[in-house]
Amino acid sequence: QVQLVESGGGYVAAGGSLTLSCVGSGFSFAYYAVGWFRQAPGKERERISCISSSDGSTSYVDSVQGRFTISRDNAKNTAYLQMNSLRPEDTAVYYCAVHPFECYSGTYDYTAADFRAFGQGTQVTVSP
């Protein structure tokens, strides 16, 4: 079955870095866009980054632009999220999920409701 497994979270001081991994199985990983999402306590799950399958184009929410980098290695069925200059407000559970081919359609960016196969998540905690 379609499965995604996130890893790489942890506890880090503000200004530190972490790299999250998302390994897919049970489907043709190369044909799916991969989105990274996060959910802080009491808040909705938000999409923070996405990488398409077609041309590897990427997108970021403003709050992580310039600090986070998404990438993928289709040979390993894996997507990554390199997180630098972490801030306490980045504390959340981080998830990955997939959508066929693209991260958007026209001017509409696919949201969490459009993605599927969310993994169990990995906790990221950033101390002040």
N, C-alpha and C. Protein backbone atom coordinates (compact mmCIF):
# COMPACT_ATOMS: atom_id res chain seq x y z
N GLN A 1 0.84 -1.18 0.00
CA GLN A 1 0.00 0.00 0.00
C GLN A 1 0.88 1.24 0.00
N VAL A 2 0.27 2.37 -0.35
CA VAL A 2 1.00 3.62 -0.37
C VAL A 2 1.41 4.00 1.06
N GLN A 3 2.69 4.23 1.25
CA GLN A 3 3.18 4.56 2.59
C GLN A 3 4.31 5.56 2.51
N LEU A 4 4.30 6.50 3.44
CA LEU A 4 5.37 7.47 3.59
C LEU A 4 5.84 7.44 5.03
N VAL A 5 7.15 7.50 5.21
CA VAL A 5 7.73 7.48 6.55
C VAL A 5 8.67 8.65 6.69
N GLU A 6 8.36 9.53 7.66
CA GLU A 6 9.21 10.68 7.93
C GLU A 6 10.20 10.36 9.04
N SER A 7 11.35 11.00 8.98
CA SER A 7 12.35 10.86 10.04
C SER A 7 13.25 12.09 10.03
N GLY A 8 14.06 12.19 11.08
CA GLY A 8 15.03 13.27 11.14
C GLY A 8 14.71 14.39 12.09
N GLY A 9 13.53 14.35 12.70
CA GLY A 9 13.19 15.39 13.64
C GLY A 9 14.04 15.30 14.90
N GLY A 10 13.87 16.28 15.76
CA GLY A 10 14.62 16.27 17.01
C GLY A 10 14.51 17.59 17.73
N TYR A 11 15.40 17.75 18.69
CA TYR A 11 15.43 18.94 19.53
C TYR A 11 16.68 19.73 19.17
N VAL A 12 16.50 21.01 18.88
CA VAL A 12 17.63 21.82 18.45
C VAL A 12 17.47 23.23 18.99
N ALA A 13 18.56 23.89 19.23
CA ALA A 13 18.54 25.27 19.69
C ALA A 13 18.25 26.21 18.52
N ALA A 14 17.68 27.36 18.82
CA ALA A 14 17.41 28.35 17.78
C ALA A 14 18.69 28.65 17.00
N GLY A 15 18.54 28.75 15.69
CA GLY A 15 19.68 28.96 14.82
C GLY A 15 20.29 27.68 14.28
N GLY A 16 19.87 26.56 14.83
CA GLY A 16 20.41 25.28 14.40
C GLY A 16 19.75 24.76 13.13
N SER A 17 20.16 23.55 12.75
CA SER A 17 19.70 22.94 11.51
C SER A 17 19.27 21.50 11.72
N LEU A 18 18.34 21.07 10.90
CA LEU A 18 17.92 19.67 10.85
C LEU A 18 17.60 19.33 9.40
N THR A 19 17.74 18.06 9.07
CA THR A 19 17.32 17.58 7.76
C THR A 19 16.31 16.46 7.95
N LEU A 20 15.13 16.66 7.42
CA LEU A 20 14.08 15.65 7.49
C LEU A 20 14.10 14.81 6.22
N SER A 21 13.74 13.54 6.37
CA SER A 21 13.64 12.63 5.24
C SER A 21 12.23 12.06 5.16
N CYS A 22 11.82 11.76 3.94
CA CYS A 22 10.49 11.17 3.68
C CYS A 22 10.69 10.05 2.67
N VAL A 23 10.50 8.82 3.12
CA VAL A 23 10.71 7.67 2.25
C VAL A 23 9.36 7.10 1.84
N GLY A 24 9.17 6.93 0.54
CA GLY A 24 7.92 6.41 0.03
C GLY A 24 8.05 4.96 -0.41
N SER A 25 6.93 4.24 -0.33
CA SER A 25 6.90 2.86 -0.80
C SER A 25 5.48 2.51 -1.24
N GLY A 26 5.39 1.51 -2.12
CA GLY A 26 4.08 1.04 -2.56
C GLY A 26 3.47 1.83 -3.71
N PHE A 27 4.25 2.73 -4.31
CA PHE A 27 3.75 3.51 -5.44
C PHE A 27 4.94 4.03 -6.23
N SER A 28 4.65 4.60 -7.40
CA SER A 28 5.71 5.12 -8.27
C SER A 28 6.09 6.53 -7.81
N PHE A 29 7.02 6.59 -6.89
CA PHE A 29 7.40 7.83 -6.22
C PHE A 29 7.74 8.94 -7.21
N ALA A 30 8.41 8.59 -8.30
CA ALA A 30 8.90 9.60 -9.24
C ALA A 30 7.77 10.38 -9.91
N TYR A 31 6.56 9.85 -9.91
CA TYR A 31 5.44 10.48 -10.60
C TYR A 31 4.56 11.32 -9.68
N TYR A 32 5.02 11.53 -8.47
CA TYR A 32 4.24 12.28 -7.50
C TYR A 32 5.00 13.49 -7.00
N ALA A 33 4.27 14.59 -6.87
CA ALA A 33 4.80 15.74 -6.15
C ALA A 33 4.82 15.40 -4.66
N VAL A 34 5.82 15.91 -3.96
CA VAL A 34 5.93 15.67 -2.52
C VAL A 34 5.79 16.99 -1.78
N GLY A 35 4.90 17.01 -0.84
CA GLY A 35 4.72 18.20 -0.01
C GLY A 35 5.17 17.94 1.41
N TRP A 36 5.74 18.97 2.01
CA TRP A 36 6.04 18.93 3.45
C TRP A 36 5.04 19.85 4.16
N PHE A 37 4.53 19.35 5.25
CA PHE A 37 3.54 20.07 6.04
C PHE A 37 4.00 20.09 7.49
N ARG A 38 3.43 21.01 8.25
CA ARG A 38 3.68 20.99 9.67
C ARG A 38 2.41 21.39 10.41
N GLN A 39 2.34 20.90 11.63
CA GLN A 39 1.19 21.20 12.47
C GLN A 39 1.67 21.44 13.89
N ALA A 40 1.46 22.66 14.35
CA ALA A 40 1.78 23.03 15.72
C ALA A 40 0.55 22.81 16.60
N PRO A 41 0.74 22.64 17.90
CA PRO A 41 -0.41 22.43 18.78
C PRO A 41 -1.45 23.54 18.65
N GLY A 42 -2.70 23.14 18.47
CA GLY A 42 -3.79 24.10 18.37
C GLY A 42 -3.91 24.80 17.04
N LYS A 43 -3.07 24.41 16.08
CA LYS A 43 -3.11 25.05 14.76
C LYS A 43 -3.42 24.04 13.68
N GLU A 44 -3.86 24.55 12.54
CA GLU A 44 -4.14 23.68 11.42
C GLU A 44 -2.84 23.22 10.75
N ARG A 45 -2.93 22.11 10.07
CA ARG A 45 -1.79 21.63 9.31
C ARG A 45 -1.58 22.55 8.11
N GLU A 46 -0.37 23.03 7.94
CA GLU A 46 -0.08 23.93 6.83
C GLU A 46 0.98 23.36 5.91
N ARG A 47 0.81 23.63 4.67
CA ARG A 47 1.82 23.22 3.69
C ARG A 47 2.94 24.25 3.73
N ILE A 48 4.17 23.78 3.86
CA ILE A 48 5.29 24.70 3.93
C ILE A 48 6.20 24.61 2.71
N SER A 49 6.17 23.50 2.01
CA SER A 49 7.02 23.36 0.83
C SER A 49 6.52 22.23 -0.02
N CYS A 50 6.86 22.29 -1.30
CA CYS A 50 6.45 21.24 -2.23
C CYS A 50 7.44 21.17 -3.37
N ILE A 51 7.65 19.96 -3.89
CA ILE A 51 8.51 19.76 -5.05
C ILE A 51 7.74 18.91 -6.05
N SER A 52 7.73 19.37 -7.29
CA SER A 52 6.96 18.67 -8.31
C SER A 52 7.72 17.44 -8.80
N SER A 53 7.00 16.59 -9.52
CA SER A 53 7.63 15.41 -10.10
C SER A 53 8.15 15.70 -11.51
N SER A 54 7.50 16.63 -12.21
CA SER A 54 7.80 16.83 -13.62
C SER A 54 9.15 17.50 -13.85
N ASP A 55 9.38 18.62 -13.17
CA ASP A 55 10.61 19.36 -13.42
C ASP A 55 11.35 19.72 -12.14
N GLY A 56 10.88 19.18 -11.03
CA GLY A 56 11.56 19.45 -9.76
C GLY A 56 11.38 20.86 -9.26
N SER A 57 10.39 21.57 -9.81
CA SER A 57 10.16 22.94 -9.33
C SER A 57 9.69 22.90 -7.89
N THR A 58 10.05 23.96 -7.16
CA THR A 58 9.79 23.99 -5.73
C THR A 58 9.00 25.22 -5.33
N SER A 59 8.36 25.13 -4.21
CA SER A 59 7.64 26.27 -3.65
C SER A 59 7.76 26.24 -2.14
N TYR A 60 7.67 27.44 -1.54
CA TYR A 60 7.80 27.57 -0.09
C TYR A 60 6.81 28.60 0.43
N VAL A 61 6.36 28.36 1.63
CA VAL A 61 5.57 29.38 2.30
C VAL A 61 6.53 30.48 2.74
N ASP A 62 6.03 31.70 2.85
CA ASP A 62 6.90 32.85 3.13
C ASP A 62 7.72 32.66 4.41
N SER A 63 7.13 32.02 5.41
CA SER A 63 7.79 31.93 6.71
C SER A 63 9.04 31.06 6.69
N VAL A 64 9.21 30.21 5.68
CA VAL A 64 10.39 29.36 5.62
C VAL A 64 11.26 29.66 4.40
N GLN A 65 10.77 30.52 3.51
CA GLN A 65 11.53 30.87 2.31
C GLN A 65 12.92 31.37 2.69
N GLY A 66 13.93 30.83 2.04
CA GLY A 66 15.30 31.25 2.31
C GLY A 66 15.97 30.50 3.44
N ARG A 67 15.21 29.77 4.22
CA ARG A 67 15.77 28.99 5.34
C ARG A 67 15.66 27.50 5.10
N PHE A 68 14.60 27.07 4.45
CA PHE A 68 14.36 25.65 4.20
C PHE A 68 14.59 25.34 2.72
N THR A 69 15.07 24.14 2.44
CA THR A 69 15.27 23.68 1.07
C THR A 69 14.70 22.29 0.91
N ILE A 70 13.82 22.13 -0.06
CA ILE A 70 13.24 20.82 -0.36
C ILE A 70 13.99 20.21 -1.54
N SER A 71 14.15 18.91 -1.51
CA SER A 71 14.79 18.20 -2.61
C SER A 71 14.26 16.78 -2.66
N ARG A 72 14.62 16.07 -3.71
CA ARG A 72 14.17 14.69 -3.83
C ARG A 72 15.23 13.87 -4.56
N ASP A 73 15.25 12.57 -4.26
CA ASP A 73 16.11 11.61 -4.93
C ASP A 73 15.21 10.45 -5.33
N ASN A 74 14.76 10.46 -6.57
CA ASN A 74 13.79 9.45 -7.00
C ASN A 74 14.39 8.03 -6.98
N ALA A 75 15.68 7.94 -7.18
CA ALA A 75 16.32 6.61 -7.14
C ALA A 75 16.20 5.98 -5.75
N LYS A 76 16.07 6.83 -4.74
CA LYS A 76 15.94 6.34 -3.36
C LYS A 76 14.51 6.48 -2.83
N ASN A 77 13.59 6.90 -3.70
CA ASN A 77 12.20 7.11 -3.27
C ASN A 77 12.13 8.01 -2.04
N THR A 78 12.95 9.03 -2.02
CA THR A 78 13.10 9.86 -0.83
C THR A 78 13.04 11.35 -1.17
N ALA A 79 12.36 12.08 -0.31
CA ALA A 79 12.37 13.54 -0.36
C ALA A 79 12.98 14.05 0.94
N TYR A 80 13.56 15.23 0.86
CA TYR A 80 14.25 15.81 2.00
C TYR A 80 13.76 17.23 2.26
N LEU A 81 13.91 17.65 3.49
CA LEU A 81 13.67 19.05 3.84
C LEU A 81 14.83 19.49 4.72
N GLN A 82 15.72 20.28 4.13
CA GLN A 82 16.84 20.84 4.87
C GLN A 82 16.35 22.12 5.54
N MET A 83 16.48 22.16 6.85
CA MET A 83 15.97 23.30 7.63
C MET A 83 17.14 23.98 8.33
N ASN A 84 17.38 25.22 7.97
CA ASN A 84 18.45 26.01 8.58
C ASN A 84 17.86 27.20 9.34
N SER A 85 18.67 27.79 10.17
CA SER A 85 18.26 28.99 10.92
C SER A 85 16.92 28.77 11.61
N LEU A 86 16.81 27.64 12.27
CA LEU A 86 15.53 27.30 12.90
C LEU A 86 15.16 28.27 14.00
N ARG A 87 13.87 28.47 14.13
CA ARG A 87 13.30 29.41 15.11
C ARG A 87 12.34 28.66 16.02
N PRO A 88 12.10 29.17 17.21
CA PRO A 88 11.13 28.51 18.10
C PRO A 88 9.76 28.33 17.43
N GLU A 89 9.37 29.26 16.59
CA GLU A 89 8.07 29.15 15.93
C GLU A 89 8.02 28.05 14.85
N ASP A 90 9.15 27.44 14.58
CA ASP A 90 9.18 26.28 13.67
C ASP A 90 8.82 24.98 14.41
N THR A 91 8.68 25.04 15.71
CA THR A 91 8.32 23.86 16.48
C THR A 91 6.96 23.32 16.05
N ALA A 92 6.94 22.05 15.66
CA ALA A 92 5.72 21.42 15.16
C ALA A 92 6.01 19.96 14.85
N VAL A 93 4.95 19.24 14.52
CA VAL A 93 5.12 17.92 13.94
C VAL A 93 5.15 18.12 12.42
N TYR A 94 6.15 17.55 11.79
CA TYR A 94 6.33 17.69 10.36
C TYR A 94 5.92 16.40 9.64
N TYR A 95 5.17 16.59 8.57
CA TYR A 95 4.65 15.48 7.78
C TYR A 95 5.01 15.65 6.31
N CYS A 96 5.08 14.54 5.61
CA CYS A 96 5.15 14.60 4.15
C CYS A 96 3.92 13.88 3.59
N ALA A 97 3.60 14.22 2.36
CA ALA A 97 2.47 13.62 1.67
C ALA A 97 2.68 13.81 0.17
N VAL A 98 1.87 13.15 -0.64
CA VAL A 98 2.07 13.18 -2.08
C VAL A 98 0.81 13.57 -2.83
N HIS A 99 1.02 14.11 -4.01
CA HIS A 99 -0.05 14.45 -4.93
C HIS A 99 0.45 14.09 -6.33
N PRO A 100 -0.42 13.56 -7.17
CA PRO A 100 0.03 13.19 -8.52
C PRO A 100 0.65 14.37 -9.26
N PHE A 101 1.88 14.20 -9.66
CA PHE A 101 2.63 15.07 -10.58
C PHE A 101 2.98 16.45 -10.04
N GLU A 102 2.02 17.30 -9.76
CA GLU A 102 2.29 18.71 -9.50
C GLU A 102 1.83 19.17 -8.12
N CYS A 103 2.42 20.33 -7.73
CA CYS A 103 2.08 20.93 -6.45
C CYS A 103 0.91 21.92 -6.56
N TYR A 104 0.53 22.22 -7.79
CA TYR A 104 -0.49 23.24 -7.98
C TYR A 104 -1.23 22.97 -9.29
N SER A 105 -2.33 23.66 -9.46
CA SER A 105 -3.07 23.65 -10.71
C SER A 105 -3.43 25.08 -11.03
N GLY A 106 -2.84 25.64 -12.06
CA GLY A 106 -3.05 27.05 -12.36
C GLY A 106 -2.55 27.90 -11.22
N THR A 107 -3.42 28.70 -10.65
CA THR A 107 -3.03 29.56 -9.54
C THR A 107 -3.40 28.95 -8.18
N TYR A 108 -3.91 27.75 -8.20
CA TYR A 108 -4.33 27.08 -6.96
C TYR A 108 -3.23 26.16 -6.47
N ASP A 109 -2.72 26.45 -5.28
CA ASP A 109 -1.74 25.58 -4.65
C ASP A 109 -2.50 24.49 -3.89
N TYR A 110 -2.19 23.25 -4.20
CA TYR A 110 -2.86 22.16 -3.50
C TYR A 110 -2.59 22.24 -2.00
N THR A 111 -3.62 21.98 -1.24
CA THR A 111 -3.52 22.05 0.21
C THR A 111 -3.46 20.65 0.81
N ALA A 112 -3.40 20.60 2.13
CA ALA A 112 -3.34 19.32 2.81
C ALA A 112 -4.51 18.41 2.40
N ALA A 113 -5.65 18.99 2.16
CA ALA A 113 -6.82 18.19 1.80
C ALA A 113 -6.68 17.51 0.45
N ASP A 114 -5.80 18.04 -0.39
CA ASP A 114 -5.59 17.48 -1.72
C ASP A 114 -4.51 16.40 -1.74
N PHE A 115 -3.65 16.39 -0.73
CA PHE A 115 -2.56 15.42 -0.68
C PHE A 115 -3.04 14.15 0.02
N ARG A 116 -2.26 13.09 -0.16
CA ARG A 116 -2.63 11.84 0.48
C ARG A 116 -1.41 11.13 1.01
N ALA A 117 -1.71 10.12 1.80
CA ALA A 117 -0.69 9.23 2.36
C ALA A 117 0.22 9.94 3.35
N PHE A 118 -0.35 10.79 4.19
CA PHE A 118 0.46 11.41 5.22
C PHE A 118 1.10 10.34 6.09
N GLY A 119 2.37 10.55 6.43
CA GLY A 119 3.04 9.64 7.33
C GLY A 119 2.67 9.93 8.77
N GLN A 120 3.42 9.32 9.69
CA GLN A 120 3.13 9.48 11.11
C GLN A 120 3.68 10.78 11.67
N GLY A 121 4.54 11.43 10.90
CA GLY A 121 5.10 12.69 11.32
C GLY A 121 6.36 12.54 12.14
N THR A 122 7.13 13.61 12.20
CA THR A 122 8.34 13.65 13.02
C THR A 122 8.37 14.98 13.76
N GLN A 123 8.64 14.91 15.05
CA GLN A 123 8.56 16.11 15.90
C GLN A 123 9.84 16.93 15.76
N VAL A 124 9.66 18.22 15.56
CA VAL A 124 10.76 19.17 15.57
C VAL A 124 10.51 20.17 16.69
N THR A 125 11.45 20.28 17.59
CA THR A 125 11.33 21.22 18.70
C THR A 125 12.54 22.14 18.69
N VAL A 126 12.28 23.44 18.65
CA VAL A 126 13.35 24.44 18.61
C VAL A 126 13.29 25.26 19.88
N SER A 127 14.35 25.21 20.65
CA SER A 127 14.39 25.96 21.91
C SER A 127 14.90 27.37 21.68
N PRO A 128 14.44 28.32 22.48
CA PRO A 128 14.86 29.73 22.31
C PRO A 128 16.36 29.91 22.50
